[in-house]
PDB file of N, CA and C in Angstrom:
ATOM      1  N   UNK A   1     -45.178 -13.775  -6.615  1.00  0.00           N
ATOM      2  CA  UNK A   1     -43.972 -13.021  -6.354  1.00  0.00           C
ATOM      3  C   UNK A   1     -42.755 -13.909  -6.635  1.00  0.00           C
ATOM      4  N   UNK A   2     -41.828 -13.387  -7.416  1.00  0.00           N
ATOM      5  CA  UNK A   2     -40.626 -14.156  -7.778  1.00  0.00           C
ATOM      6  C   UNK A   2     -39.683 -14.252  -6.582  1.00  0.00           C
ATOM      7  N   UNK A   3     -39.112 -15.434  -6.444  1.00  0.00           N
ATOM      8  CA  UNK A   3     -38.134 -15.644  -5.385  1.00  0.00           C
ATOM      9  C   UNK A   3     -36.753 -15.243  -5.861  1.00  0.00           C
ATOM     10  N   UNK A   4     -36.052 -14.545  -5.008  1.00  0.00           N
ATOM     11  CA  UNK A   4     -34.686 -14.152  -5.346  1.00  0.00           C
ATOM     12  C   UNK A   4     -33.748 -15.311  -5.067  1.00  0.00           C
ATOM     13  N   UNK A   5     -32.933 -15.611  -6.039  1.00  0.00           N
ATOM     14  CA  UNK A   5     -31.928 -16.660  -5.874  1.00  0.00           C
ATOM     15  C   UNK A   5     -30.646 -15.962  -5.433  1.00  0.00           C
ATOM     16  N   UNK A   6     -30.096 -16.373  -4.289  1.00  0.00           N
ATOM     17  CA  UNK A   6     -28.868 -15.703  -3.835  1.00  0.00           C
ATOM     18  C   UNK A   6     -27.730 -15.902  -4.827  1.00  0.00           C
ATOM     19  N   UNK A   7     -26.997 -14.837  -5.052  1.00  0.00           N
ATOM     20  CA  UNK A   7     -25.848 -14.908  -5.958  1.00  0.00           C
ATOM     21  C   UNK A   7     -24.650 -15.428  -5.183  1.00  0.00           C
ATOM     22  N   UNK A   8     -24.083 -16.497  -5.684  1.00  0.00           N
ATOM     23  CA  UNK A   8     -22.878 -17.045  -5.065  1.00  0.00           C
ATOM     24  C   UNK A   8     -21.680 -16.645  -5.899  1.00  0.00           C
ATOM     25  N   UNK A   9     -20.624 -16.315  -5.235  1.00  0.00           N
ATOM     26  CA  UNK A   9     -19.401 -15.939  -5.934  1.00  0.00           C
ATOM     27  C   UNK A   9     -18.729 -17.189  -6.480  1.00  0.00           C
ATOM     28  N   UNK A  10     -18.397 -17.130  -7.748  1.00  0.00           N
ATOM     29  CA  UNK A  10     -17.614 -18.196  -8.373  1.00  0.00           C
ATOM     30  C   UNK A  10     -16.151 -17.794  -8.291  1.00  0.00           C
ATOM     31  N   UNK A  11     -15.328 -18.663  -7.782  1.00  0.00           N
ATOM     32  CA  UNK A  11     -13.911 -18.349  -7.616  1.00  0.00           C
ATOM     33  C   UNK A  11     -13.059 -18.731  -8.820  1.00  0.00           C
ATOM     34  N   UNK A  12     -13.674 -19.326  -9.837  1.00  0.00           N
ATOM     35  CA  UNK A  12     -12.922 -19.801 -11.000  1.00  0.00           C
ATOM     36  C   UNK A  12     -12.099 -18.698 -11.674  1.00  0.00           C
ATOM     37  N   UNK A  13     -12.695 -17.536 -11.882  1.00  0.00           N
ATOM     38  CA  UNK A  13     -11.985 -16.449 -12.541  1.00  0.00           C
ATOM     39  C   UNK A  13     -10.815 -15.979 -11.676  1.00  0.00           C
ATOM     40  N   UNK A  14     -11.030 -15.863 -10.388  1.00  0.00           N
ATOM     41  CA  UNK A  14      -9.977 -15.396  -9.489  1.00  0.00           C
ATOM     42  C   UNK A  14      -8.810 -16.381  -9.456  1.00  0.00           C
ATOM     43  N   UNK A  15      -9.135 -17.656  -9.494  1.00  0.00           N
ATOM     44  CA  UNK A  15      -8.084 -18.680  -9.557  1.00  0.00           C
ATOM     45  C   UNK A  15      -7.319 -18.561 -10.872  1.00  0.00           C
ATOM     46  N   UNK A  16      -8.020 -18.306 -11.956  1.00  0.00           N
ATOM     47  CA  UNK A  16      -7.373 -18.173 -13.265  1.00  0.00           C
ATOM     48  C   UNK A  16      -6.392 -17.000 -13.268  1.00  0.00           C
ATOM     49  N   UNK A  17      -6.732 -15.923 -12.590  1.00  0.00           N
ATOM     50  CA  UNK A  17      -5.855 -14.748 -12.526  1.00  0.00           C
ATOM     51  C   UNK A  17      -4.515 -15.116 -11.913  1.00  0.00           C
ATOM     52  N   UNK A  18      -4.527 -16.028 -10.964  1.00  0.00           N
ATOM     53  CA  UNK A  18      -3.279 -16.450 -10.319  1.00  0.00           C
ATOM     54  C   UNK A  18      -2.343 -17.191 -11.282  1.00  0.00           C
ATOM     55  N   UNK A  19      -2.861 -17.638 -12.408  1.00  0.00           N
ATOM     56  CA  UNK A  19      -2.047 -18.342 -13.405  1.00  0.00           C
ATOM     57  C   UNK A  19      -1.388 -17.397 -14.419  1.00  0.00           C
ATOM     58  N   UNK A  20      -1.741 -16.136 -14.390  1.00  0.00           N
ATOM     59  CA  UNK A  20      -1.162 -15.189 -15.343  1.00  0.00           C
ATOM     60  C   UNK A  20       0.327 -15.029 -15.055  1.00  0.00           C
ATOM     61  N   UNK A  21       1.135 -15.026 -16.129  1.00  0.00           N
ATOM     62  CA  UNK A  21       2.590 -15.061 -15.962  1.00  0.00           C
ATOM     63  C   UNK A  21       3.307 -13.760 -16.300  1.00  0.00           C
ATOM     64  N   UNK A  22       2.616 -12.804 -16.901  1.00  0.00           N
ATOM     65  CA  UNK A  22       3.287 -11.551 -17.259  1.00  0.00           C
ATOM     66  C   UNK A  22       2.256 -10.429 -17.342  1.00  0.00           C
ATOM     67  N   UNK A  23       2.766  -9.207 -17.372  1.00  0.00           N
ATOM     68  CA  UNK A  23       1.887  -8.050 -17.522  1.00  0.00           C
ATOM     69  C   UNK A  23       1.142  -8.116 -18.847  1.00  0.00           C
ATOM     70  N   UNK A  24       1.848  -8.495 -19.904  1.00  0.00           N
ATOM     71  CA  UNK A  24       1.221  -8.605 -21.226  1.00  0.00           C
ATOM     72  C   UNK A  24       0.089  -9.641 -21.209  1.00  0.00           C
ATOM     73  N   UNK A  25       0.356 -10.790 -20.598  1.00  0.00           N
ATOM     74  CA  UNK A  25      -0.664 -11.830 -20.515  1.00  0.00           C
ATOM     75  C   UNK A  25      -1.858 -11.356 -19.681  1.00  0.00           C
ATOM     76  N   UNK A  26      -1.585 -10.611 -18.636  1.00  0.00           N
ATOM     77  CA  UNK A  26      -2.649 -10.072 -17.792  1.00  0.00           C
ATOM     78  C   UNK A  26      -3.531  -9.113 -18.601  1.00  0.00           C
ATOM     79  N   UNK A  27      -2.895  -8.206 -19.342  1.00  0.00           N
ATOM     80  CA  UNK A  27      -3.652  -7.274 -20.187  1.00  0.00           C
ATOM     81  C   UNK A  27      -4.504  -8.029 -21.206  1.00  0.00           C
ATOM     82  N   UNK A  28      -3.916  -9.020 -21.852  1.00  0.00           N
ATOM     83  CA  UNK A  28      -4.636  -9.812 -22.851  1.00  0.00           C
ATOM     84  C   UNK A  28      -5.821 -10.546 -22.229  1.00  0.00           C
ATOM     85  N   UNK A  29      -5.607 -11.124 -21.056  1.00  0.00           N
ATOM     86  CA  UNK A  29      -6.664 -11.857 -20.351  1.00  0.00           C
ATOM     87  C   UNK A  29      -7.871 -10.951 -20.095  1.00  0.00           C
ATOM     88  N   UNK A  30      -7.608  -9.766 -19.545  1.00  0.00           N
ATOM     89  CA  UNK A  30      -8.711  -8.864 -19.226  1.00  0.00           C
ATOM     90  C   UNK A  30      -9.340  -8.264 -20.474  1.00  0.00           C
ATOM     91  N   UNK A  31      -8.561  -8.047 -21.528  1.00  0.00           N
ATOM     92  CA  UNK A  31      -9.135  -7.564 -22.787  1.00  0.00           C
ATOM     93  C   UNK A  31     -10.058  -8.604 -23.397  1.00  0.00           C
ATOM     94  N   UNK A  32      -9.706  -9.881 -23.256  1.00  0.00           N
ATOM     95  CA  UNK A  32     -10.566 -10.952 -23.758  1.00  0.00           C
ATOM     96  C   UNK A  32     -11.829 -11.105 -22.912  1.00  0.00           C
ATOM     97  N   UNK A  33     -11.726 -10.827 -21.634  1.00  0.00           N
ATOM     98  CA  UNK A  33     -12.812 -11.081 -20.700  1.00  0.00           C
ATOM     99  C   UNK A  33     -13.781  -9.915 -20.539  1.00  0.00           C
ATOM    100  N   UNK A  34     -13.273  -8.694 -20.602  1.00  0.00           N
ATOM    101  CA  UNK A  34     -14.078  -7.516 -20.265  1.00  0.00           C
ATOM    102  C   UNK A  34     -14.345  -6.631 -21.475  1.00  0.00           C
ATOM    103  N   UNK A  35     -15.419  -5.886 -21.382  1.00  0.00           N
ATOM    104  CA  UNK A  35     -15.687  -4.844 -22.377  1.00  0.00           C
ATOM    105  C   UNK A  35     -14.710  -3.695 -22.120  1.00  0.00           C
ATOM    106  N   UNK A  36     -14.424  -2.928 -23.143  1.00  0.00           N
ATOM    107  CA  UNK A  36     -13.505  -1.802 -23.014  1.00  0.00           C
ATOM    108  C   UNK A  36     -13.977  -0.852 -21.913  1.00  0.00           C
ATOM    109  N   UNK A  37     -15.274  -0.598 -21.856  1.00  0.00           N
ATOM    110  CA  UNK A  37     -15.794   0.324 -20.839  1.00  0.00           C
ATOM    111  C   UNK A  37     -15.584  -0.219 -19.421  1.00  0.00           C
ATOM    112  N   UNK A  38     -15.702  -1.523 -19.250  1.00  0.00           N
ATOM    113  CA  UNK A  38     -15.463  -2.129 -17.935  1.00  0.00           C
ATOM    114  C   UNK A  38     -14.010  -1.960 -17.526  1.00  0.00           C
ATOM    115  N   UNK A  39     -13.107  -2.216 -18.456  1.00  0.00           N
ATOM    116  CA  UNK A  39     -11.681  -2.068 -18.174  1.00  0.00           C
ATOM    117  C   UNK A  39     -11.329  -0.628 -17.832  1.00  0.00           C
ATOM    118  N   UNK A  40     -11.831   0.315 -18.617  1.00  0.00           N
ATOM    119  CA  UNK A  40     -11.525   1.723 -18.368  1.00  0.00           C
ATOM    120  C   UNK A  40     -12.068   2.160 -17.015  1.00  0.00           C
ATOM    121  N   UNK A  41     -13.233   1.664 -16.640  1.00  0.00           N
ATOM    122  CA  UNK A  41     -13.805   1.998 -15.326  1.00  0.00           C
ATOM    123  C   UNK A  41     -12.934   1.464 -14.194  1.00  0.00           C
ATOM    124  N   UNK A  42     -12.473   0.226 -14.321  1.00  0.00           N
ATOM    125  CA  UNK A  42     -11.610  -0.347 -13.284  1.00  0.00           C
ATOM    126  C   UNK A  42     -10.271   0.388 -13.224  1.00  0.00           C
ATOM    127  N   UNK A  43      -9.714   0.700 -14.398  1.00  0.00           N
ATOM    128  CA  UNK A  43      -8.452   1.435 -14.442  1.00  0.00           C
ATOM    129  C   UNK A  43      -8.610   2.808 -13.797  1.00  0.00           C
ATOM    130  N   UNK A  44      -9.725   3.464 -14.081  1.00  0.00           N
ATOM    131  CA  UNK A  44      -9.992   4.778 -13.503  1.00  0.00           C
ATOM    132  C   UNK A  44     -10.109   4.685 -11.981  1.00  0.00           C
ATOM    133  N   UNK A  45     -10.865   3.710 -11.486  1.00  0.00           N
ATOM    134  CA  UNK A  45     -11.025   3.559 -10.033  1.00  0.00           C
ATOM    135  C   UNK A  45      -9.690   3.258  -9.364  1.00  0.00           C
ATOM    136  N   UNK A  46      -8.848   2.460 -10.019  1.00  0.00           N
ATOM    137  CA  UNK A  46      -7.535   2.155  -9.461  1.00  0.00           C
ATOM    138  C   UNK A  46      -6.684   3.423  -9.375  1.00  0.00           C
ATOM    139  N   UNK A  47      -6.699   4.236 -10.430  1.00  0.00           N
ATOM    140  CA  UNK A  47      -5.951   5.500 -10.440  1.00  0.00           C
ATOM    141  C   UNK A  47      -6.481   6.433  -9.353  1.00  0.00           C
ATOM    142  N   UNK A  48      -7.795   6.491  -9.200  1.00  0.00           N
ATOM    143  CA  UNK A  48      -8.407   7.309  -8.143  1.00  0.00           C
ATOM    144  C   UNK A  48      -7.911   6.844  -6.775  1.00  0.00           C
ATOM    145  N   UNK A  49      -7.900   5.545  -6.556  1.00  0.00           N
ATOM    146  CA  UNK A  49      -7.445   4.997  -5.272  1.00  0.00           C
ATOM    147  C   UNK A  49      -5.993   5.390  -5.008  1.00  0.00           C
ATOM    148  N   UNK A  50      -5.148   5.277  -6.017  1.00  0.00           N
ATOM    149  CA  UNK A  50      -3.739   5.641  -5.862  1.00  0.00           C
ATOM    150  C   UNK A  50      -3.592   7.113  -5.498  1.00  0.00           C
ATOM    151  N   UNK A  51      -4.371   7.958  -6.144  1.00  0.00           N
ATOM    152  CA  UNK A  51      -4.290   9.392  -5.863  1.00  0.00           C
ATOM    153  C   UNK A  51      -4.833   9.715  -4.469  1.00  0.00           C
ATOM    154  N   UNK A  52      -5.876   9.031  -4.056  1.00  0.00           N
ATOM    155  CA  UNK A  52      -6.398   9.230  -2.705  1.00  0.00           C
ATOM    156  C   UNK A  52      -5.358   8.831  -1.666  1.00  0.00           C
ATOM    157  N   UNK A  53      -4.652   7.731  -1.925  1.00  0.00           N
ATOM    158  CA  UNK A  53      -3.597   7.285  -1.006  1.00  0.00           C
ATOM    159  C   UNK A  53      -2.463   8.313  -0.932  1.00  0.00           C
ATOM    160  N   UNK A  54      -2.306   9.106  -1.981  1.00  0.00           N
ATOM    161  CA  UNK A  54      -1.284  10.160  -2.013  1.00  0.00           C
ATOM    162  C   UNK A  54      -1.820  11.476  -1.456  1.00  0.00           C
ATOM    163  N   UNK A  55      -3.021  11.399  -0.858  1.00  0.00           N
ATOM    164  CA  UNK A  55      -3.668  12.570  -0.246  1.00  0.00           C
ATOM    165  C   UNK A  55      -3.995  13.683  -1.237  1.00  0.00           C
ATOM    166  N   UNK A  56      -4.271  13.314  -2.474  1.00  0.00           N
ATOM    167  CA  UNK A  56      -4.707  14.304  -3.462  1.00  0.00           C
ATOM    168  C   UNK A  56      -6.155  14.701  -3.159  1.00  0.00           C
ATOM    169  N   UNK A  57      -6.519  15.928  -3.491  1.00  0.00           N
ATOM    170  CA  UNK A  57      -7.876  16.407  -3.245  1.00  0.00           C
ATOM    171  C   UNK A  57      -8.791  16.026  -4.405  1.00  0.00           C
ATOM    172  N   UNK A  58     -10.097  15.981  -4.107  1.00  0.00           N
ATOM    173  CA  UNK A  58     -11.081  15.553  -5.099  1.00  0.00           C
ATOM    174  C   UNK A  58     -10.964  16.326  -6.398  1.00  0.00           C
ATOM    175  N   UNK A  59     -10.805  17.649  -6.327  1.00  0.00           N
ATOM    176  CA  UNK A  59     -10.781  18.444  -7.562  1.00  0.00           C
ATOM    177  C   UNK A  59      -9.604  18.054  -8.459  1.00  0.00           C
ATOM    178  N   UNK A  60      -8.449  17.800  -7.858  1.00  0.00           N
ATOM    179  CA  UNK A  60      -7.292  17.375  -8.652  1.00  0.00           C
ATOM    180  C   UNK A  60      -7.524  15.989  -9.254  1.00  0.00           C
ATOM    181  N   UNK A  61      -8.110  15.084  -8.456  1.00  0.00           N
ATOM    182  CA  UNK A  61      -8.398  13.737  -8.948  1.00  0.00           C
ATOM    183  C   UNK A  61      -9.401  13.800 -10.098  1.00  0.00           C
ATOM    184  N   UNK A  62     -10.416  14.629  -9.957  1.00  0.00           N
ATOM    185  CA  UNK A  62     -11.414  14.782 -11.025  1.00  0.00           C
ATOM    186  C   UNK A  62     -10.757  15.289 -12.310  1.00  0.00           C
ATOM    187  N   UNK A  63      -9.869  16.268 -12.182  1.00  0.00           N
ATOM    188  CA  UNK A  63      -9.198  16.831 -13.354  1.00  0.00           C
ATOM    189  C   UNK A  63      -8.307  15.806 -14.052  1.00  0.00           C
ATOM    190  N   UNK A  64      -7.568  15.023 -13.274  1.00  0.00           N
ATOM    191  CA  UNK A  64      -6.585  14.096 -13.851  1.00  0.00           C
ATOM    192  C   UNK A  64      -7.186  12.785 -14.326  1.00  0.00           C
ATOM    193  N   UNK A  65      -8.338  12.376 -13.765  1.00  0.00           N
ATOM    194  CA  UNK A  65      -8.898  11.061 -14.104  1.00  0.00           C
ATOM    195  C   UNK A  65     -10.239  11.131 -14.815  1.00  0.00           C
ATOM    196  N   UNK A  66     -10.863  12.301 -14.810  1.00  0.00           N
ATOM    197  CA  UNK A  66     -12.227  12.474 -15.322  1.00  0.00           C
ATOM    198  C   UNK A  66     -13.258  11.674 -14.529  1.00  0.00           C
ATOM    199  N   UNK A  67     -12.898  11.259 -13.330  1.00  0.00           N
ATOM    200  CA  UNK A  67     -13.842  10.538 -12.470  1.00  0.00           C
ATOM    201  C   UNK A  67     -14.822  11.533 -11.851  1.00  0.00           C
ATOM    202  N   UNK A  68     -16.028  11.067 -11.646  1.00  0.00           N
ATOM    203  CA  UNK A  68     -17.018  11.912 -10.989  1.00  0.00           C
ATOM    204  C   UNK A  68     -16.747  11.944  -9.486  1.00  0.00           C
ATOM    205  N   UNK A  69     -17.316  12.925  -8.816  1.00  0.00           N
ATOM    206  CA  UNK A  69     -17.148  12.991  -7.359  1.00  0.00           C
ATOM    207  C   UNK A  69     -17.786  11.767  -6.703  1.00  0.00           C
ATOM    208  N   UNK A  70     -18.843  11.220  -7.297  1.00  0.00           N
ATOM    209  CA  UNK A  70     -19.483  10.019  -6.757  1.00  0.00           C
ATOM    210  C   UNK A  70     -18.534   8.822  -6.834  1.00  0.00           C
ATOM    211  N   UNK A  71     -17.821   8.695  -7.953  1.00  0.00           N
ATOM    212  CA  UNK A  71     -16.855   7.602  -8.098  1.00  0.00           C
ATOM    213  C   UNK A  71     -15.717   7.766  -7.097  1.00  0.00           C
ATOM    214  N   UNK A  72     -15.208   8.967  -6.966  1.00  0.00           N
ATOM    215  CA  UNK A  72     -14.122   9.229  -6.024  1.00  0.00           C
ATOM    216  C   UNK A  72     -14.584   8.923  -4.604  1.00  0.00           C
ATOM    217  N   UNK A  73     -15.789   9.325  -4.280  1.00  0.00           N
ATOM    218  CA  UNK A  73     -16.342   9.067  -2.949  1.00  0.00           C
ATOM    219  C   UNK A  73     -16.473   7.574  -2.683  1.00  0.00           C
ATOM    220  N   UNK A  74     -16.946   6.833  -3.678  1.00  0.00           N
ATOM    221  CA  UNK A  74     -17.094   5.389  -3.512  1.00  0.00           C
ATOM    222  C   UNK A  74     -15.740   4.722  -3.302  1.00  0.00           C
ATOM    223  N   UNK A  75     -14.751   5.099  -4.100  1.00  0.00           N
ATOM    224  CA  UNK A  75     -13.418   4.526  -3.958  1.00  0.00           C
ATOM    225  C   UNK A  75     -12.844   4.890  -2.585  1.00  0.00           C
ATOM    226  N   UNK A  76     -13.043   6.115  -2.165  1.00  0.00           N
ATOM    227  CA  UNK A  76     -12.565   6.551  -0.857  1.00  0.00           C
ATOM    228  C   UNK A  76     -13.208   5.732   0.259  1.00  0.00           C
ATOM    229  N   UNK A  77     -14.492   5.479   0.124  1.00  0.00           N
ATOM    230  CA  UNK A  77     -15.208   4.669   1.118  1.00  0.00           C
ATOM    231  C   UNK A  77     -14.636   3.249   1.170  1.00  0.00           C
ATOM    232  N   UNK A  78     -14.333   2.671   0.008  1.00  0.00           N
ATOM    233  CA  UNK A  78     -13.773   1.321  -0.025  1.00  0.00           C
ATOM    234  C   UNK A  78     -12.363   1.295   0.572  1.00  0.00           C
ATOM    235  N   UNK A  79     -11.605   2.351   0.343  1.00  0.00           N
ATOM    236  CA  UNK A  79     -10.276   2.418   0.947  1.00  0.00           C
ATOM    237  C   UNK A  79     -10.372   2.467   2.472  1.00  0.00           C
ATOM    238  N   UNK A  80     -11.414   3.118   2.972  1.00  0.00           N
ATOM    239  CA  UNK A  80     -11.562   3.298   4.419  1.00  0.00           C
ATOM    240  C   UNK A  80     -12.324   2.182   5.110  1.00  0.00           C
ATOM    241  N   UNK A  81     -13.243   1.535   4.405  1.00  0.00           N
ATOM    242  CA  UNK A  81     -14.097   0.540   5.076  1.00  0.00           C
ATOM    243  C   UNK A  81     -14.143  -0.810   4.369  1.00  0.00           C
ATOM    244  N   UNK A  82     -13.410  -0.947   3.277  1.00  0.00           N
ATOM    245  CA  UNK A  82     -13.419  -2.209   2.534  1.00  0.00           C
ATOM    246  C   UNK A  82     -12.550  -3.257   3.215  1.00  0.00           C
ATOM    247  N   UNK A  83     -12.112  -4.221   2.453  1.00  0.00           N
ATOM    248  CA  UNK A  83     -11.317  -5.328   2.998  1.00  0.00           C
ATOM    249  C   UNK A  83      -9.898  -4.913   3.364  1.00  0.00           C
ATOM    250  N   UNK A  84      -9.425  -3.817   2.789  1.00  0.00           N
ATOM    251  CA  UNK A  84      -8.058  -3.369   3.023  1.00  0.00           C
ATOM    252  C   UNK A  84      -7.079  -3.861   1.967  1.00  0.00           C
ATOM    253  N   UNK A  85      -7.531  -4.738   1.101  1.00  0.00           N
ATOM    254  CA  UNK A  85      -6.639  -5.325   0.095  1.00  0.00           C
ATOM    255  C   UNK A  85      -6.135  -4.271  -0.893  1.00  0.00           C
ATOM    256  N   UNK A  86      -7.005  -3.421  -1.378  1.00  0.00           N
ATOM    257  CA  UNK A  86      -6.609  -2.395  -2.341  1.00  0.00           C
ATOM    258  C   UNK A  86      -5.520  -1.507  -1.746  1.00  0.00           C
ATOM    259  N   UNK A  87      -5.705  -1.107  -0.511  1.00  0.00           N
ATOM    260  CA  UNK A  87      -4.717  -0.267   0.165  1.00  0.00           C
ATOM    261  C   UNK A  87      -3.384  -1.001   0.323  1.00  0.00           C
ATOM    262  N   UNK A  88      -3.433  -2.280   0.671  1.00  0.00           N
ATOM    263  CA  UNK A  88      -2.199  -3.074   0.813  1.00  0.00           C
ATOM    264  C   UNK A  88      -1.453  -3.169  -0.511  1.00  0.00           C
ATOM    265  N   UNK A  89      -2.184  -3.390  -1.588  1.00  0.00           N
ATOM    266  CA  UNK A  89      -1.552  -3.504  -2.905  1.00  0.00           C
ATOM    267  C   UNK A  89      -0.911  -2.179  -3.299  1.00  0.00           C
ATOM    268  N   UNK A  90      -1.610  -1.085  -3.060  1.00  0.00           N
ATOM    269  CA  UNK A  90      -1.045   0.231  -3.377  1.00  0.00           C
ATOM    270  C   UNK A  90       0.208   0.496  -2.550  1.00  0.00           C
ATOM    271  N   UNK A  91       0.221   0.072  -1.299  1.00  0.00           N
ATOM    272  CA  UNK A  91       1.415   0.207  -0.453  1.00  0.00           C
ATOM    273  C   UNK A  91       2.570  -0.611  -1.009  1.00  0.00           C
ATOM    274  N   UNK A  92       2.286  -1.839  -1.467  1.00  0.00           N
ATOM    275  CA  UNK A  92       3.331  -2.690  -2.049  1.00  0.00           C
ATOM    276  C   UNK A  92       3.928  -2.048  -3.298  1.00  0.00           C
ATOM    277  N   UNK A  93       3.062  -1.490  -4.127  1.00  0.00           N
ATOM    278  CA  UNK A  93       3.533  -0.830  -5.351  1.00  0.00           C
ATOM    279  C   UNK A  93       4.429   0.352  -4.991  1.00  0.00           C
ATOM    280  N   UNK A  94       4.008   1.144  -4.011  1.00  0.00           N
ATOM    281  CA  UNK A  94       4.806   2.282  -3.584  1.00  0.00           C
ATOM    282  C   UNK A  94       6.172   1.837  -3.054  1.00  0.00           C
ATOM    283  N   UNK A  95       6.192   0.776  -2.278  1.00  0.00           N
ATOM    284  CA  UNK A  95       7.464   0.249  -1.750  1.00  0.00           C
ATOM    285  C   UNK A  95       8.379  -0.228  -2.883  1.00  0.00           C
ATOM    286  N   UNK A  96       7.805  -0.925  -3.861  1.00  0.00           N
ATOM    287  CA  UNK A  96       8.601  -1.393  -4.991  1.00  0.00           C
ATOM    288  C   UNK A  96       9.153  -0.232  -5.793  1.00  0.00           C
ATOM    289  N   UNK A  97       8.364   0.826  -5.959  1.00  0.00           N
ATOM    290  CA  UNK A  97       8.821   1.991  -6.722  1.00  0.00           C
ATOM    291  C   UNK A  97       9.948   2.717  -5.997  1.00  0.00           C
ATOM    292  N   UNK A  98       9.939   2.690  -4.676  1.00  0.00           N
ATOM    293  CA  UNK A  98      11.022   3.324  -3.909  1.00  0.00           C
ATOM    294  C   UNK A  98      12.339   2.581  -4.090  1.00  0.00           C
ATOM    295  N   UNK A  99      12.260   1.273  -4.322  1.00  0.00           N
ATOM    296  CA  UNK A  99      13.451   0.443  -4.492  1.00  0.00           C
ATOM    297  C   UNK A  99      14.123   0.677  -5.844  1.00  0.00           C
ATOM    298  N   UNK A 100      13.343   1.134  -6.809  1.00  0.00           N
ATOM    299  CA  UNK A 100      13.880   1.326  -8.184  1.00  0.00           C
ATOM    300  C   UNK A 100      14.744   2.541  -8.303  1.00  0.00           C
TER     301      UNK A 100
END
């Protein structure tokens, strides 16, 4: 029977993200690092999270993002039981948009 080796999180990539200096550089970094499908999935989940924070209903979110109900449910679960970071970031974005 094969032994499972525990997966340890490498913080190198996360540290590198902190060095990004502009939106353009951030986009370029992730385009170099991720497959197009990975990026689109993350972008979709982020949009779903934003819409959930705006109290949009699943059917509207599905129509506007093409996300499945399973994806919406997972994002909703993370907003409610995750670390809270995604929700904090969305709140910061909303506050900044109100200032503009």
